[in-house]
Amino acid sequence: LDKCAQVQAVHDRKTVGKRAIDDLNAHATAIYTSQERLRANIKSLEKMPGSDLMARYMRDLDREEDDLIQTRAKIEEHNSTNNVLVDEIEERWSELVRIATSLKEKI
């Protein structure tokens, strides 16, 4: 049963990672939406390139782009971790099958 608990623990970690990926993807979508709004605002101020508002929009866009880069990196990190966890689950599951088969043969 300890082996089953180990498989479940790894599976739970994978589920947490998947949830984090979903949250990060939602955050990235929110950034895209905000960037679209900022780009529209910047376009509307094309004739006022030196305005304080244009500078603010450009800073906001720059900050959001940095956030998007960091978010994508976190998503990739979680995906990589989840891939390792999938391999671990498969390995532990195979071990459980071997144990169960061995026990079945002894019966």
Protein backbone atom coordinates (compact mmCIF):
# COMPACT_ATOMS: atom_id res chain seq x y z
CA LEU A 1 0.00 0.00 0.00
CA ASP A 2 2.96 2.27 0.55
CA LYS A 3 3.72 2.07 -3.17
CA CYS A 4 0.14 3.08 -3.98
CA ALA A 5 0.44 6.06 -1.66
CA GLN A 6 3.66 7.06 -3.40
CA VAL A 7 1.97 6.96 -6.80
CA GLN A 8 -0.91 9.03 -5.44
CA ALA A 9 1.49 11.56 -3.92
CA VAL A 10 3.26 12.03 -7.25
CA HIS A 11 -0.09 12.29 -9.02
CA ASP A 12 -1.20 14.95 -6.53
CA ARG A 13 1.97 16.95 -7.20
CA LYS A 14 1.26 16.71 -10.92
CA THR A 15 -2.30 17.96 -10.33
CA VAL A 16 -0.99 20.95 -8.38
CA GLY A 17 1.41 21.70 -11.22
CA LYS A 18 -1.38 21.48 -13.78
CA ARG A 19 -3.48 23.86 -11.72
CA ALA A 20 -0.56 26.30 -11.58
CA ILE A 21 -0.18 26.06 -15.36
CA ASP A 22 -3.88 26.79 -15.81
CA ASP A 23 -3.61 29.81 -13.50
CA LEU A 24 -0.54 31.09 -15.35
CA ASN A 25 -2.26 30.64 -18.71
CA ALA A 26 -5.21 32.66 -17.42
CA HIS A 27 -2.78 35.34 -16.27
CA ALA A 28 -1.13 35.37 -19.71
CA THR A 29 -4.54 35.77 -21.35
CA ALA A 30 -5.28 38.72 -19.07
CA ILE A 31 -1.97 40.27 -20.07
CA TYR A 32 -2.81 39.86 -23.76
CA THR A 33 -6.15 41.57 -23.20
CA SER A 34 -4.51 44.43 -21.35
CA GLN A 35 -1.85 44.78 -24.04
CA GLU A 36 -4.53 45.01 -26.72
CA ARG A 37 -6.15 47.84 -24.77
CA LEU A 38 -2.81 49.60 -24.33
CA ARG A 39 -1.97 49.25 -28.02
CA ALA A 40 -5.34 50.75 -28.94
CA ASN A 41 -4.71 53.64 -26.55
CA ILE A 42 -1.22 54.16 -27.95
CA LYS A 43 -2.59 54.16 -31.49
CA SER A 44 -5.15 56.80 -30.52
CA LEU A 45 -2.31 58.99 -29.23
CA GLU A 46 -0.08 58.66 -32.30
CA LYS A 47 -0.32 62.39 -32.96
CA MET A 48 0.87 63.13 -29.42
CA PRO A 49 4.06 61.04 -29.19
CA GLY A 50 5.66 63.10 -26.43
CA SER A 51 2.67 63.22 -24.12
CA ASP A 52 2.84 62.01 -20.54
CA LEU A 53 -0.04 59.65 -21.23
CA MET A 54 1.79 58.08 -24.19
CA ALA A 55 4.87 57.60 -22.01
CA ARG A 56 2.74 55.98 -19.33
CA TYR A 57 1.11 53.61 -21.82
CA MET A 58 4.52 52.67 -23.19
CA ARG A 59 5.84 51.97 -19.67
CA ASP A 60 2.76 49.90 -18.90
CA LEU A 61 3.16 47.95 -22.13
CA ASP A 62 6.84 47.35 -21.37
CA ARG A 63 6.04 46.19 -17.83
CA GLU A 64 3.35 43.84 -19.08
CA GLU A 65 5.67 42.41 -21.71
CA ASP A 66 8.21 41.65 -18.98
CA ASP A 67 5.44 40.01 -16.94
CA LEU A 68 4.41 37.94 -19.95
CA ILE A 69 7.98 36.75 -20.47
CA GLN A 70 8.21 35.71 -16.81
CA THR A 71 4.82 34.01 -16.97
CA ARG A 72 5.82 32.02 -20.04
CA ALA A 73 9.04 30.95 -18.31
CA LYS A 74 7.05 29.76 -15.28
CA ILE A 75 4.67 27.84 -17.53
CA GLU A 76 7.61 26.14 -19.23
CA GLU A 77 9.12 25.31 -15.85
CA HIS A 78 5.87 23.75 -14.63
CA ASN A 79 5.47 21.83 -17.90
CA SER A 80 8.97 20.45 -17.53
CA THR A 81 8.33 19.44 -13.93
CA ASN A 82 5.04 17.80 -14.90
CA ASN A 83 6.76 15.82 -17.64
CA VAL A 84 9.20 14.46 -15.06
CA LEU A 85 6.28 13.62 -12.77
CA VAL A 86 4.47 11.78 -15.58
CA ASP A 87 7.58 9.67 -16.12
CA GLU A 88 7.79 9.00 -12.40
CA ILE A 89 4.12 7.99 -12.24
CA GLU A 90 4.59 5.60 -15.15
CA GLU A 91 7.66 4.09 -13.53
CA ARG A 92 5.97 3.66 -10.16
CA TRP A 93 2.83 2.29 -11.81
CA SER A 94 4.88 -0.31 -13.68
CA GLU A 95 6.46 -1.29 -10.38
CA LEU A 96 3.00 -1.71 -8.84
CA VAL A 97 1.91 -3.90 -11.74
CA ARG A 98 5.01 -6.07 -11.30
CA ILE A 99 4.31 -6.42 -7.57
CA ALA A 100 0.64 -7.22 -8.16
CA THR A 101 1.52 -9.79 -10.82
CA SER A 102 4.04 -11.40 -8.51
CA LEU A 103 1.52 -11.55 -5.67
CA LYS A 104 -1.14 -12.97 -7.97
CA GLU A 105 1.21 -15.74 -9.08
CA LYS A 106 1.85 -16.67 -5.44
CA ILE A 107 -1.85 -17.17 -4.77
